[in-house]
Amino acid sequence: MDKEHIKGAAKTAEGNIKETAGKLAGDKSLEMKGKADKAEGKIRDTAGDVKDAFKKK
């Protein structure tokens, strides 16, 4: 597991928290920020997978 996987997992977790908090508070802006953070986390995780694939070659 490299830095991108760690950053991705952290950003996804942060996004989950923001999204849930936004839903509970009725704050659509916070909810959307959470969804954006989750998407960024998934992208970082995928980038980590690509890096891993290149390291193995």
PDB file of N, CA and C in Angstrom:
ATOM      1  N   MET A   1       0.848  -1.173   0.000  1.00  0.00           N
ATOM      2  CA  MET A   1       0.000   0.000   0.000  1.00  0.00           C
ATOM      3  C   MET A   1       0.896   1.240   0.000  1.00  0.00           C
ATOM      4  N   ASP A   2       0.680   2.108  -0.987  1.00  0.00           N
ATOM      5  CA  ASP A   2       1.499   3.311  -1.080  1.00  0.00           C
ATOM      6  C   ASP A   2       0.728   4.545  -0.613  1.00  0.00           C
ATOM      7  N   LYS A   3       1.346   5.715  -0.784  1.00  0.00           N
ATOM      8  CA  LYS A   3       0.743   6.951  -0.308  1.00  0.00           C
ATOM      9  C   LYS A   3      -0.606   7.236  -0.968  1.00  0.00           C
ATOM     10  N   GLU A   4      -0.731   6.936  -2.249  1.00  0.00           N
ATOM     11  CA  GLU A   4      -1.988   7.223  -2.945  1.00  0.00           C
ATOM     12  C   GLU A   4      -3.146   6.400  -2.368  1.00  0.00           C
ATOM     13  N   HIS A   5      -2.880   5.141  -2.035  1.00  0.00           N
ATOM     14  CA  HIS A   5      -3.927   4.312  -1.426  1.00  0.00           C
ATOM     15  C   HIS A   5      -4.343   4.874  -0.059  1.00  0.00           C
ATOM     16  N   ILE A   6      -3.373   5.309   0.702  1.00  0.00           N
ATOM     17  CA  ILE A   6      -3.654   5.861   2.025  1.00  0.00           C
ATOM     18  C   ILE A   6      -4.433   7.165   1.906  1.00  0.00           C
ATOM     19  N   LYS A   7      -3.975   8.045   1.015  1.00  0.00           N
ATOM     20  CA  LYS A   7      -4.676   9.315   0.810  1.00  0.00           C
ATOM     21  C   LYS A   7      -6.093   9.071   0.291  1.00  0.00           C
ATOM     22  N   GLY A   8      -6.218   8.097  -0.593  1.00  0.00           N
ATOM     23  CA  GLY A   8      -7.531   7.779  -1.140  1.00  0.00           C
ATOM     24  C   GLY A   8      -8.489   7.277  -0.068  1.00  0.00           C
ATOM     25  N   ALA A   9      -8.001   6.406   0.783  1.00  0.00           N
ATOM     26  CA  ALA A   9      -8.848   5.879   1.859  1.00  0.00           C
ATOM     27  C   ALA A   9      -9.248   6.985   2.828  1.00  0.00           C
ATOM     28  N   ALA A  10      -8.311   7.870   3.136  1.00  0.00           N
ATOM     29  CA  ALA A  10      -8.602   8.970   4.055  1.00  0.00           C
ATOM     30  C   ALA A  10      -9.627   9.933   3.450  1.00  0.00           C
ATOM     31  N   LYS A  11      -9.470  10.237   2.169  1.00  0.00           N
ATOM     32  CA  LYS A  11     -10.393  11.160   1.511  1.00  0.00           C
ATOM     33  C   LYS A  11     -11.784  10.546   1.389  1.00  0.00           C
ATOM     34  N   THR A  12     -11.843   9.242   1.126  1.00  0.00           N
ATOM     35  CA  THR A  12     -13.135   8.561   1.051  1.00  0.00           C
ATOM     36  C   THR A  12     -13.832   8.582   2.409  1.00  0.00           C
ATOM     37  N   ALA A  13     -13.083   8.331   3.466  1.00  0.00           N
ATOM     38  CA  ALA A  13     -13.657   8.364   4.812  1.00  0.00           C
ATOM     39  C   ALA A  13     -14.145   9.770   5.163  1.00  0.00           C
ATOM     40  N   GLU A  14     -13.346  10.767   4.821  1.00  0.00           N
ATOM     41  CA  GLU A  14     -13.731  12.149   5.063  1.00  0.00           C
ATOM     42  C   GLU A  14     -15.019  12.485   4.296  1.00  0.00           C
ATOM     43  N   GLY A  15     -15.090  12.000   3.067  1.00  0.00           N
ATOM     44  CA  GLY A  15     -16.281  12.230   2.258  1.00  0.00           C
ATOM     45  C   GLY A  15     -17.518  11.582   2.847  1.00  0.00           C
ATOM     46  N   ASN A  16     -17.352  10.374   3.356  1.00  0.00           N
ATOM     47  CA  ASN A  16     -18.483   9.681   3.994  1.00  0.00           C
ATOM     48  C   ASN A  16     -19.009  10.478   5.190  1.00  0.00           C
ATOM     49  N   ILE A  17     -18.093  11.008   5.971  1.00  0.00           N
ATOM     50  CA  ILE A  17     -18.478  11.785   7.152  1.00  0.00           C
ATOM     51  C   ILE A  17     -19.217  13.057   6.736  1.00  0.00           C
ATOM     52  N   LYS A  18     -18.651  13.771   5.756  1.00  0.00           N
ATOM     53  CA  LYS A  18     -19.287  15.010   5.299  1.00  0.00           C
ATOM     54  C   LYS A  18     -20.660  14.742   4.698  1.00  0.00           C
ATOM     55  N   GLU A  19     -20.736  13.701   3.891  1.00  0.00           N
ATOM     56  CA  GLU A  19     -22.014  13.385   3.245  1.00  0.00           C
ATOM     57  C   GLU A  19     -23.081  13.047   4.286  1.00  0.00           C
ATOM     58  N   THR A  20     -22.722  12.225   5.253  1.00  0.00           N
ATOM     59  CA  THR A  20     -23.659  11.848   6.308  1.00  0.00           C
ATOM     60  C   THR A  20     -24.066  13.051   7.146  1.00  0.00           C
ATOM     61  N   ALA A  21     -23.095  13.885   7.500  1.00  0.00           N
ATOM     62  CA  ALA A  21     -23.391  15.081   8.286  1.00  0.00           C
ATOM     63  C   ALA A  21     -24.313  16.012   7.501  1.00  0.00           C
ATOM     64  N   GLY A  22     -24.058  16.130   6.213  1.00  0.00           N
ATOM     65  CA  GLY A  22     -24.901  16.971   5.379  1.00  0.00           C
ATOM     66  C   GLY A  22     -26.322  16.457   5.300  1.00  0.00           C
ATOM     67  N   LYS A  23     -26.470  15.142   5.180  1.00  0.00           N
ATOM     68  CA  LYS A  23     -27.810  14.548   5.136  1.00  0.00           C
ATOM     69  C   LYS A  23     -28.545  14.778   6.453  1.00  0.00           C
ATOM     70  N   LEU A  24     -27.853  14.565   7.566  1.00  0.00           N
ATOM     71  CA  LEU A  24     -28.480  14.726   8.878  1.00  0.00           C
ATOM     72  C   LEU A  24     -28.871  16.170   9.152  1.00  0.00           C
ATOM     73  N   ALA A  25     -28.030  17.103   8.697  1.00  0.00           N
ATOM     74  CA  ALA A  25     -28.284  18.514   8.969  1.00  0.00           C
ATOM     75  C   ALA A  25     -29.165  19.153   7.900  1.00  0.00           C
ATOM     76  N   GLY A  26     -29.420  18.430   6.833  1.00  0.00           N
ATOM     77  CA  GLY A  26     -30.203  19.000   5.743  1.00  0.00           C
ATOM     78  C   GLY A  26     -29.404  20.012   4.931  1.00  0.00           C
ATOM     79  N   ASP A  27     -28.068  19.887   4.968  1.00  0.00           N
ATOM     80  CA  ASP A  27     -27.166  20.811   4.282  1.00  0.00           C
ATOM     81  C   ASP A  27     -26.710  20.178   2.963  1.00  0.00           C
ATOM     82  N   LYS A  28     -27.359  20.562   1.883  1.00  0.00           N
ATOM     83  CA  LYS A  28     -27.052  19.969   0.569  1.00  0.00           C
ATOM     84  C   LYS A  28     -25.627  20.283   0.126  1.00  0.00           C
ATOM     85  N   SER A  29     -25.130  21.465   0.472  1.00  0.00           N
ATOM     86  CA  SER A  29     -23.773  21.848   0.095  1.00  0.00           C
ATOM     87  C   SER A  29     -22.742  20.911   0.730  1.00  0.00           C
ATOM     88  N   LEU A  30     -22.894  20.655   2.008  1.00  0.00           N
ATOM     89  CA  LEU A  30     -21.976  19.760   2.712  1.00  0.00           C
ATOM     90  C   LEU A  30     -22.099  18.337   2.165  1.00  0.00           C
ATOM     91  N   GLU A  31     -23.315  17.929   1.872  1.00  0.00           N
ATOM     92  CA  GLU A  31     -23.541  16.600   1.306  1.00  0.00           C
ATOM     93  C   GLU A  31     -22.832  16.462  -0.043  1.00  0.00           C
ATOM     94  N   MET A  32     -22.911  17.484  -0.877  1.00  0.00           N
ATOM     95  CA  MET A  32     -22.265  17.442  -2.196  1.00  0.00           C
ATOM     96  C   MET A  32     -20.736  17.456  -2.064  1.00  0.00           C
ATOM     97  N   LYS A  33     -20.233  18.222  -1.085  1.00  0.00           N
ATOM     98  CA  LYS A  33     -18.789  18.231  -0.841  1.00  0.00           C
ATOM     99  C   LYS A  33     -18.320  16.840  -0.423  1.00  0.00           C
ATOM    100  N   GLY A  34     -19.132  16.168   0.365  1.00  0.00           N
ATOM    101  CA  GLY A  34     -18.804  14.806   0.788  1.00  0.00           C
ATOM    102  C   GLY A  34     -18.753  13.858  -0.390  1.00  0.00           C
ATOM    103  N   LYS A  35     -19.702  13.980  -1.293  1.00  0.00           N
ATOM    104  CA  LYS A  35     -19.708  13.126  -2.482  1.00  0.00           C
ATOM    105  C   LYS A  35     -18.488  13.409  -3.350  1.00  0.00           C
ATOM    106  N   ALA A  36     -18.113  14.682  -3.466  1.00  0.00           N
ATOM    107  CA  ALA A  36     -16.928  15.043  -4.242  1.00  0.00           C
ATOM    108  C   ALA A  36     -15.665  14.460  -3.609  1.00  0.00           C
ATOM    109  N   ASP A  37     -15.575  14.529  -2.288  1.00  0.00           N
ATOM    110  CA  ASP A  37     -14.416  13.967  -1.582  1.00  0.00           C
ATOM    111  C   ASP A  37     -14.343  12.453  -1.786  1.00  0.00           C
ATOM    112  N   LYS A  38     -15.499  11.790  -1.743  1.00  0.00           N
ATOM    113  CA  LYS A  38     -15.517  10.340  -1.967  1.00  0.00           C
ATOM    114  C   LYS A  38     -15.026  10.015  -3.371  1.00  0.00           C
ATOM    115  N   ALA A  39     -15.439  10.796  -4.347  1.00  0.00           N
ATOM    116  CA  ALA A  39     -14.999  10.577  -5.725  1.00  0.00           C
ATOM    117  C   ALA A  39     -13.491  10.782  -5.848  1.00  0.00           C
ATOM    118  N   GLU A  40     -12.978  11.830  -5.181  1.00  0.00           N
ATOM    119  CA  GLU A  40     -11.535  12.069  -5.199  1.00  0.00           C
ATOM    120  C   GLU A  40     -10.783  10.909  -4.551  1.00  0.00           C
ATOM    121  N   GLY A  41     -11.331  10.384  -3.484  1.00  0.00           N
ATOM    122  CA  GLY A  41     -10.701   9.241  -2.815  1.00  0.00           C
ATOM    123  C   GLY A  41     -10.623   8.031  -3.722  1.00  0.00           C
ATOM    124  N   LYS A  42     -11.682   7.776  -4.477  1.00  0.00           N
ATOM    125  CA  LYS A  42     -11.687   6.650  -5.408  1.00  0.00           C
ATOM    126  C   LYS A  42     -10.666   6.858  -6.520  1.00  0.00           C
ATOM    127  N   ILE A  43     -10.537   8.096  -6.990  1.00  0.00           N
ATOM    128  CA  ILE A  43      -9.559   8.406  -8.031  1.00  0.00           C
ATOM    129  C   ILE A  43      -8.151   8.178  -7.514  1.00  0.00           C
ATOM    130  N   ARG A  44      -7.885   8.636  -6.291  1.00  0.00           N
ATOM    131  CA  ARG A  44      -6.551   8.432  -5.711  1.00  0.00           C
ATOM    132  C   ARG A  44      -6.251   6.942  -5.529  1.00  0.00           C
ATOM    133  N   ASP A  45      -7.246   6.189  -5.133  1.00  0.00           N
ATOM    134  CA  ASP A  45      -7.066   4.752  -4.956  1.00  0.00           C
ATOM    135  C   ASP A  45      -6.736   4.091  -6.299  1.00  0.00           C
ATOM    136  N   THR A  46      -7.435   4.512  -7.338  1.00  0.00           N
ATOM    137  CA  THR A  46      -7.169   3.982  -8.673  1.00  0.00           C
ATOM    138  C   THR A  46      -5.769   4.371  -9.132  1.00  0.00           C
ATOM    139  N   ALA A  47      -5.358   5.601  -8.835  1.00  0.00           N
ATOM    140  CA  ALA A  47      -4.001   6.033  -9.186  1.00  0.00           C
ATOM    141  C   ALA A  47      -2.969   5.157  -8.476  1.00  0.00           C
ATOM    142  N   GLY A  48      -3.241   4.808  -7.242  1.00  0.00           N
ATOM    143  CA  GLY A  48      -2.350   3.910  -6.512  1.00  0.00           C
ATOM    144  C   GLY A  48      -2.279   2.538  -7.159  1.00  0.00           C
ATOM    145  N   ASP A  49      -3.416   2.054  -7.648  1.00  0.00           N
ATOM    146  CA  ASP A  49      -3.428   0.764  -8.347  1.00  0.00           C
ATOM    147  C   ASP A  49      -2.575   0.813  -9.613  1.00  0.00           C
ATOM    148  N   VAL A  50      -2.673   1.927 -10.339  1.00  0.00           N
ATOM    149  CA  VAL A  50      -1.877   2.086 -11.568  1.00  0.00           C
ATOM    150  C   VAL A  50      -0.391   2.111 -11.222  1.00  0.00           C
ATOM    151  N   LYS A  51      -0.042   2.852 -10.168  1.00  0.00           N
ATOM    152  CA  LYS A  51       1.357   2.903  -9.755  1.00  0.00           C
ATOM    153  C   LYS A  51       1.857   1.520  -9.383  1.00  0.00           C
ATOM    154  N   ASP A  52       1.044   0.772  -8.654  1.00  0.00           N
ATOM    155  CA  ASP A  52       1.426  -0.589  -8.268  1.00  0.00           C
ATOM    156  C   ASP A  52       1.651  -1.466  -9.487  1.00  0.00           C
ATOM    157  N   ALA A  53       0.791  -1.317 -10.484  1.00  0.00           N
ATOM    158  CA  ALA A  53       0.912  -2.131 -11.689  1.00  0.00           C
ATOM    159  C   ALA A  53       2.239  -1.830 -12.409  1.00  0.00           C
ATOM    160  N   PHE A  54       2.628  -0.566 -12.449  1.00  0.00           N
ATOM    161  CA  PHE A  54       3.880  -0.211 -13.103  1.00  0.00           C
ATOM    162  C   PHE A  54       5.098  -0.671 -12.306  1.00  0.00           C
ATOM    163  N   LYS A  55       4.975  -0.672 -10.976  1.00  0.00           N
ATOM    164  CA  LYS A  55       6.085  -1.128 -10.137  1.00  0.00           C
ATOM    165  C   LYS A  55       6.354  -2.613 -10.329  1.00  0.00           C
ATOM    166  N   LYS A  56       5.292  -3.376 -10.595  1.00  0.00           N
ATOM    167  CA  LYS A  56       5.435  -4.829 -10.737  1.00  0.00           C
ATOM    168  C   LYS A  56       6.085  -5.216 -12.051  1.00  0.00           C
ATOM    169  N   LYS A  57       6.063  -4.309 -13.031  1.00  0.00           N
ATOM    170  CA  LYS A  57       6.641  -4.632 -14.354  1.00  0.00           C
ATOM    171  C   LYS A  57       8.096  -4.400 -14.410  1.00  0.00           C
TER     172      LYS A  57
END
